[in-house]
């Protein structure tokens, strides 16, 4: 299975040559050695499954780009979790979910967030305007400078992606 991606010797050489550098690069940005180590490993994992290491002409900028994207995704997930927890602080005590339910809700939010990443910026914006701001198709079309027909297509695609991204926890 490894030969379908990076040949082991190419990957091992890339890892041995650049792992320490990438780890230092991440530590300078994060000031969190544990998270830096996790992101460095995730970066090399993405390289391992995605391509042949021999194809990488400039390893450090390539690795830094992957690590930056992983870091941005991590920060976005943390921001999403903080916003949700902040909203819970302002909710009546009777509405606050149990720790188990909270864990499931946070996982579901992350799955929806990952699904929305796959959409175009207009489709993502349409989804958020409809579901968070409660805007109508006409209002969304005016906001995005498009037609209501396009908004309907955007929302259909976004809703389907999100629906299938989150497992039915109640059924399990």
C-alpha atoms as a PDB file:
ATOM      1  CA  UNK A   1       0.000   0.000   0.000  1.00  0.00           C
ATOM      2  CA  UNK A   2       2.907   2.353   0.709  1.00  0.00           C
ATOM      3  CA  UNK A   3       4.184   2.123  -2.872  1.00  0.00           C
ATOM      4  CA  UNK A   4       0.997   3.788  -4.173  1.00  0.00           C
ATOM      5  CA  UNK A   5       2.057   6.985  -2.432  1.00  0.00           C
ATOM      6  CA  UNK A   6       5.605   7.845  -1.409  1.00  0.00           C
ATOM      7  CA  UNK A   7       8.307   5.158  -1.739  1.00  0.00           C
ATOM      8  CA  UNK A   8       9.568   4.436   1.798  1.00  0.00           C
ATOM      9  CA  UNK A   9      13.175   5.474   1.135  1.00  0.00           C
ATOM     10  CA  UNK A  10      12.148   8.854  -0.366  1.00  0.00           C
ATOM     11  CA  UNK A  11       9.729   9.516   2.465  1.00  0.00           C
ATOM     12  CA  UNK A  12      12.191   8.454   5.165  1.00  0.00           C
ATOM     13  CA  UNK A  13      14.827  10.759   3.686  1.00  0.00           C
ATOM     14  CA  UNK A  14      12.359  13.671   3.557  1.00  0.00           C
ATOM     15  CA  UNK A  15      11.283  13.009   7.145  1.00  0.00           C
ATOM     16  CA  UNK A  16      14.823  12.626   8.481  1.00  0.00           C
ATOM     17  CA  UNK A  17      16.030  15.735   6.696  1.00  0.00           C
ATOM     18  CA  UNK A  18      13.149  18.101   7.481  1.00  0.00           C
ATOM     19  CA  UNK A  19      11.215  16.921  10.547  1.00  0.00           C
ATOM     20  CA  UNK A  20      13.361  18.806  13.077  1.00  0.00           C
ATOM     21  CA  UNK A  21      13.184  21.968  10.991  1.00  0.00           C
ATOM     22  CA  UNK A  22       9.385  21.740  10.638  1.00  0.00           C
ATOM     23  CA  UNK A  23       8.958  21.070  14.349  1.00  0.00           C
ATOM     24  CA  UNK A  24      11.039  24.154  15.240  1.00  0.00           C
ATOM     25  CA  UNK A  25       9.108  26.205  12.660  1.00  0.00           C
ATOM     26  CA  UNK A  26       5.786  25.172  14.222  1.00  0.00           C
ATOM     27  CA  UNK A  27       6.991  25.677  17.814  1.00  0.00           C
ATOM     28  CA  UNK A  28       7.984  29.280  17.007  1.00  0.00           C
ATOM     29  CA  UNK A  29       4.478  29.956  15.749  1.00  0.00           C
ATOM     30  CA  UNK A  30       2.507  28.038  18.351  1.00  0.00           C
ATOM     31  CA  UNK A  31       4.461  28.158  21.621  1.00  0.00           C
ATOM     32  CA  UNK A  32       2.915  24.727  22.296  1.00  0.00           C
ATOM     33  CA  UNK A  33       5.340  21.845  21.818  1.00  0.00           C
ATOM     34  CA  UNK A  34       2.634  19.174  21.972  1.00  0.00           C
ATOM     35  CA  UNK A  35       0.459  20.753  19.299  1.00  0.00           C
ATOM     36  CA  UNK A  36       3.545  21.514  17.186  1.00  0.00           C
ATOM     37  CA  UNK A  37       4.546  17.845  17.343  1.00  0.00           C
ATOM     38  CA  UNK A  38       1.039  16.724  16.383  1.00  0.00           C
ATOM     39  CA  UNK A  39       0.881  19.115  13.431  1.00  0.00           C
ATOM     40  CA  UNK A  40       4.361  18.094  12.252  1.00  0.00           C
ATOM     41  CA  UNK A  41       3.306  14.428  12.280  1.00  0.00           C
ATOM     42  CA  UNK A  42       0.038  15.255  10.498  1.00  0.00           C
ATOM     43  CA  UNK A  43       1.997  17.190   7.869  1.00  0.00           C
ATOM     44  CA  UNK A  44       4.231  14.225   7.089  1.00  0.00           C
ATOM     45  CA  UNK A  45       1.244  11.887   7.129  1.00  0.00           C
ATOM     46  CA  UNK A  46      -0.416  14.016   4.439  1.00  0.00           C
ATOM     47  CA  UNK A  47       2.764  13.856   2.349  1.00  0.00           C
ATOM     48  CA  UNK A  48       2.992  10.099   2.827  1.00  0.00           C
ATOM     49  CA  UNK A  49      -0.512   9.396   1.539  1.00  0.00           C
ATOM     50  CA  UNK A  50      -0.663  12.122  -1.095  1.00  0.00           C
ATOM     51  CA  UNK A  51       2.394  11.913  -3.327  1.00  0.00           C
ATOM     52  CA  UNK A  52       5.839  10.648  -4.032  1.00  0.00           C
ATOM     53  CA  UNK A  53       8.408  12.478  -1.940  1.00  0.00           C
ATOM     54  CA  UNK A  54      10.732  12.483  -4.954  1.00  0.00           C
ATOM     55  CA  UNK A  55       8.312  14.881  -6.723  1.00  0.00           C
ATOM     56  CA  UNK A  56       8.800  17.593  -4.089  1.00  0.00           C
ATOM     57  CA  UNK A  57      11.257  20.113  -5.481  1.00  0.00           C
ATOM     58  CA  UNK A  58      11.343  22.524  -2.529  1.00  0.00           C
ATOM     59  CA  UNK A  59      10.534  20.522   0.603  1.00  0.00           C
ATOM     60  CA  UNK A  60      10.564  23.269   3.216  1.00  0.00           C
ATOM     61  CA  UNK A  61       8.107  25.651   1.520  1.00  0.00           C
ATOM     62  CA  UNK A  62       5.964  22.641   0.610  1.00  0.00           C
ATOM     63  CA  UNK A  63       5.925  21.323   4.193  1.00  0.00           C
ATOM     64  CA  UNK A  64       5.348  24.822   5.593  1.00  0.00           C
ATOM     65  CA  UNK A  65       2.324  25.253   3.310  1.00  0.00           C
ATOM     66  CA  UNK A  66       0.779  21.970   4.440  1.00  0.00           C
ATOM     67  CA  UNK A  67       1.522  22.729   8.107  1.00  0.00           C
ATOM     68  CA  UNK A  68       0.048  26.246   7.762  1.00  0.00           C
ATOM     69  CA  UNK A  69      -3.167  24.820   6.363  1.00  0.00           C
ATOM     70  CA  UNK A  70      -3.363  22.239   9.145  1.00  0.00           C
ATOM     71  CA  UNK A  71      -2.775  24.993  11.692  1.00  0.00           C
ATOM     72  CA  UNK A  72      -5.501  27.163  10.146  1.00  0.00           C
ATOM     73  CA  UNK A  73      -7.934  24.233  10.278  1.00  0.00           C
ATOM     74  CA  UNK A  74      -6.995  23.599  13.911  1.00  0.00           C
ATOM     75  CA  UNK A  75      -7.540  27.257  14.822  1.00  0.00           C
ATOM     76  CA  UNK A  76     -10.879  27.353  13.007  1.00  0.00           C
ATOM     77  CA  UNK A  77     -12.072  24.249  14.882  1.00  0.00           C
ATOM     78  CA  UNK A  78     -10.959  25.760  18.202  1.00  0.00           C
ATOM     79  CA  UNK A  79     -12.751  29.022  17.365  1.00  0.00           C
ATOM     80  CA  UNK A  80     -15.905  27.113  16.475  1.00  0.00           C
ATOM     81  CA  UNK A  81     -15.745  25.191  19.748  1.00  0.00           C
ATOM     82  CA  UNK A  82     -15.138  28.395  21.762  1.00  0.00           C
ATOM     83  CA  UNK A  83     -18.081  30.121  20.084  1.00  0.00           C
ATOM     84  CA  UNK A  84     -20.366  27.193  20.847  1.00  0.00           C
ATOM     85  CA  UNK A  85     -19.214  26.968  24.466  1.00  0.00           C
ATOM     86  CA  UNK A  86     -19.665  30.727  24.830  1.00  0.00           C
ATOM     87  CA  UNK A  87     -23.216  30.420  23.497  1.00  0.00           C
ATOM     88  CA  UNK A  88     -23.857  27.700  26.091  1.00  0.00           C
ATOM     89  CA  UNK A  89     -22.704  30.031  28.870  1.00  0.00           C
ATOM     90  CA  UNK A  90     -25.483  32.435  27.908  1.00  0.00           C
ATOM     91  CA  UNK A  91     -28.139  29.725  27.610  1.00  0.00           C
ATOM     92  CA  UNK A  92     -30.571  28.974  30.432  1.00  0.00           C
ATOM     93  CA  UNK A  93     -29.290  26.189  32.698  1.00  0.00           C
ATOM     94  CA  UNK A  94     -32.127  23.890  31.578  1.00  0.00           C
ATOM     95  CA  UNK A  95     -30.823  24.079  27.972  1.00  0.00           C
ATOM     96  CA  UNK A  96     -27.222  23.126  28.758  1.00  0.00           C
ATOM     97  CA  UNK A  97     -26.494  19.628  27.394  1.00  0.00           C
ATOM     98  CA  UNK A  98     -24.859  16.809  29.329  1.00  0.00           C
ATOM     99  CA  UNK A  99     -21.101  16.301  28.855  1.00  0.00           C
ATOM    100  CA  UNK A 100     -21.794  13.322  26.546  1.00  0.00           C
ATOM    101  CA  UNK A 101     -24.224  15.323  24.420  1.00  0.00           C
ATOM    102  CA  UNK A 102     -21.813  18.257  24.382  1.00  0.00           C
ATOM    103  CA  UNK A 103     -19.052  15.991  23.062  1.00  0.00           C
ATOM    104  CA  UNK A 104     -21.327  14.684  20.305  1.00  0.00           C
ATOM    105  CA  UNK A 105     -22.447  18.212  19.407  1.00  0.00           C
ATOM    106  CA  UNK A 106     -18.856  19.484  19.170  1.00  0.00           C
ATOM    107  CA  UNK A 107     -17.868  16.524  17.014  1.00  0.00           C
ATOM    108  CA  UNK A 108     -20.885  17.173  14.778  1.00  0.00           C
ATOM    109  CA  UNK A 109     -19.962  20.852  14.455  1.00  0.00           C
ATOM    110  CA  UNK A 110     -16.462  19.863  13.353  1.00  0.00           C
ATOM    111  CA  UNK A 111     -17.872  17.433  10.781  1.00  0.00           C
ATOM    112  CA  UNK A 112     -20.182  20.124   9.393  1.00  0.00           C
ATOM    113  CA  UNK A 113     -17.276  22.577   9.315  1.00  0.00           C
ATOM    114  CA  UNK A 114     -15.178  20.089   7.309  1.00  0.00           C
ATOM    115  CA  UNK A 115     -18.080  19.513   4.928  1.00  0.00           C
ATOM    116  CA  UNK A 116     -18.501  23.250   4.393  1.00  0.00           C
ATOM    117  CA  UNK A 117     -14.780  23.527   3.529  1.00  0.00           C
ATOM    118  CA  UNK A 118     -15.501  21.507   0.386  1.00  0.00           C
ATOM    119  CA  UNK A 119     -17.940  24.126  -0.922  1.00  0.00           C
ATOM    120  CA  UNK A 120     -17.293  27.213  -2.989  1.00  0.00           C
ATOM    121  CA  UNK A 121     -17.148  30.451  -1.017  1.00  0.00           C
ATOM    122  CA  UNK A 122     -20.591  31.503  -2.318  1.00  0.00           C
ATOM    123  CA  UNK A 123     -22.202  28.173  -1.421  1.00  0.00           C
ATOM    124  CA  UNK A 124     -20.657  28.291   2.053  1.00  0.00           C
ATOM    125  CA  UNK A 125     -21.796  31.889   2.538  1.00  0.00           C
ATOM    126  CA  UNK A 126     -25.315  31.014   1.340  1.00  0.00           C
ATOM    127  CA  UNK A 127     -25.496  28.144   3.849  1.00  0.00           C
ATOM    128  CA  UNK A 128     -24.353  30.342   6.733  1.00  0.00           C
ATOM    129  CA  UNK A 129     -26.639  33.235   5.778  1.00  0.00           C
ATOM    130  CA  UNK A 130     -29.625  30.908   5.549  1.00  0.00           C
ATOM    131  CA  UNK A 131     -29.007  28.852   8.667  1.00  0.00           C
ATOM    132  CA  UNK A 132     -27.337  31.321  11.011  1.00  0.00           C
ATOM    133  CA  UNK A 133     -28.897  34.604   9.930  1.00  0.00           C
ATOM    134  CA  UNK A 134     -32.253  33.217   8.788  1.00  0.00           C
ATOM    135  CA  UNK A 135     -32.133  35.068   5.477  1.00  0.00           C
ATOM    136  CA  UNK A 136     -34.476  34.217   2.603  1.00  0.00           C
ATOM    137  CA  UNK A 137     -33.277  33.083  -0.825  1.00  0.00           C
ATOM    138  CA  UNK A 138     -33.943  36.574  -2.212  1.00  0.00           C
ATOM    139  CA  UNK A 139     -31.983  38.247   0.598  1.00  0.00           C
ATOM    140  CA  UNK A 140     -29.076  35.830   0.153  1.00  0.00           C
ATOM    141  CA  UNK A 141     -29.092  36.371  -3.618  1.00  0.00           C
ATOM    142  CA  UNK A 142     -28.929  40.146  -3.104  1.00  0.00           C
ATOM    143  CA  UNK A 143     -26.141  39.772  -0.520  1.00  0.00           C
ATOM    144  CA  UNK A 144     -24.063  37.483  -2.758  1.00  0.00           C
ATOM    145  CA  UNK A 145     -24.854  39.224  -6.032  1.00  0.00           C
ATOM    146  CA  UNK A 146     -26.393  36.131  -7.613  1.00  0.00           C
ATOM    147  CA  UNK A 147     -29.804  34.715  -8.496  1.00  0.00           C
ATOM    148  CA  UNK A 148     -32.275  32.948  -6.240  1.00  0.00           C
ATOM    149  CA  UNK A 149     -31.912  29.907  -8.493  1.00  0.00           C
ATOM    150  CA  UNK A 150     -28.170  29.814  -7.746  1.00  0.00           C
ATOM    151  CA  UNK A 151     -28.873  30.222  -4.028  1.00  0.00           C
ATOM    152  CA  UNK A 152     -31.252  27.256  -4.175  1.00  0.00           C
ATOM    153  CA  UNK A 153     -28.540  25.147  -5.858  1.00  0.00           C
ATOM    154  CA  UNK A 154     -25.919  26.265  -3.318  1.00  0.00           C
ATOM    155  CA  UNK A 155     -28.173  25.405  -0.385  1.00  0.00           C
ATOM    156  CA  UNK A 156     -29.193  22.046  -1.812  1.00  0.00           C
ATOM    157  CA  UNK A 157     -25.582  21.013  -2.211  1.00  0.00           C
ATOM    158  CA  UNK A 158     -24.530  22.404   1.195  1.00  0.00           C
ATOM    159  CA  UNK A 159     -27.445  20.823   3.037  1.00  0.00           C
ATOM    160  CA  UNK A 160     -26.754  17.428   1.466  1.00  0.00           C
ATOM    161  CA  UNK A 161     -23.051  17.598   2.322  1.00  0.00           C
ATOM    162  CA  UNK A 162     -23.797  18.506   5.923  1.00  0.00           C
ATOM    163  CA  UNK A 163     -26.555  15.928   6.258  1.00  0.00           C
ATOM    164  CA  UNK A 164     -24.275  13.116   5.150  1.00  0.00           C
ATOM    165  CA  UNK A 165     -21.251  14.456   7.064  1.00  0.00           C
ATOM    166  CA  UNK A 166     -22.855  13.952  10.475  1.00  0.00           C
ATOM    167  CA  UNK A 167     -23.687  10.385  11.512  1.00  0.00           C
ATOM    168  CA  UNK A 168     -27.013   9.682  13.128  1.00  0.00           C
ATOM    169  CA  UNK A 169     -25.810   9.345  16.730  1.00  0.00           C
ATOM    170  CA  UNK A 170     -29.326   8.595  17.961  1.00  0.00           C
ATOM    171  CA  UNK A 171     -29.511   5.466  15.801  1.00  0.00           C
ATOM    172  CA  UNK A 172     -26.306   3.981  17.203  1.00  0.00           C
END
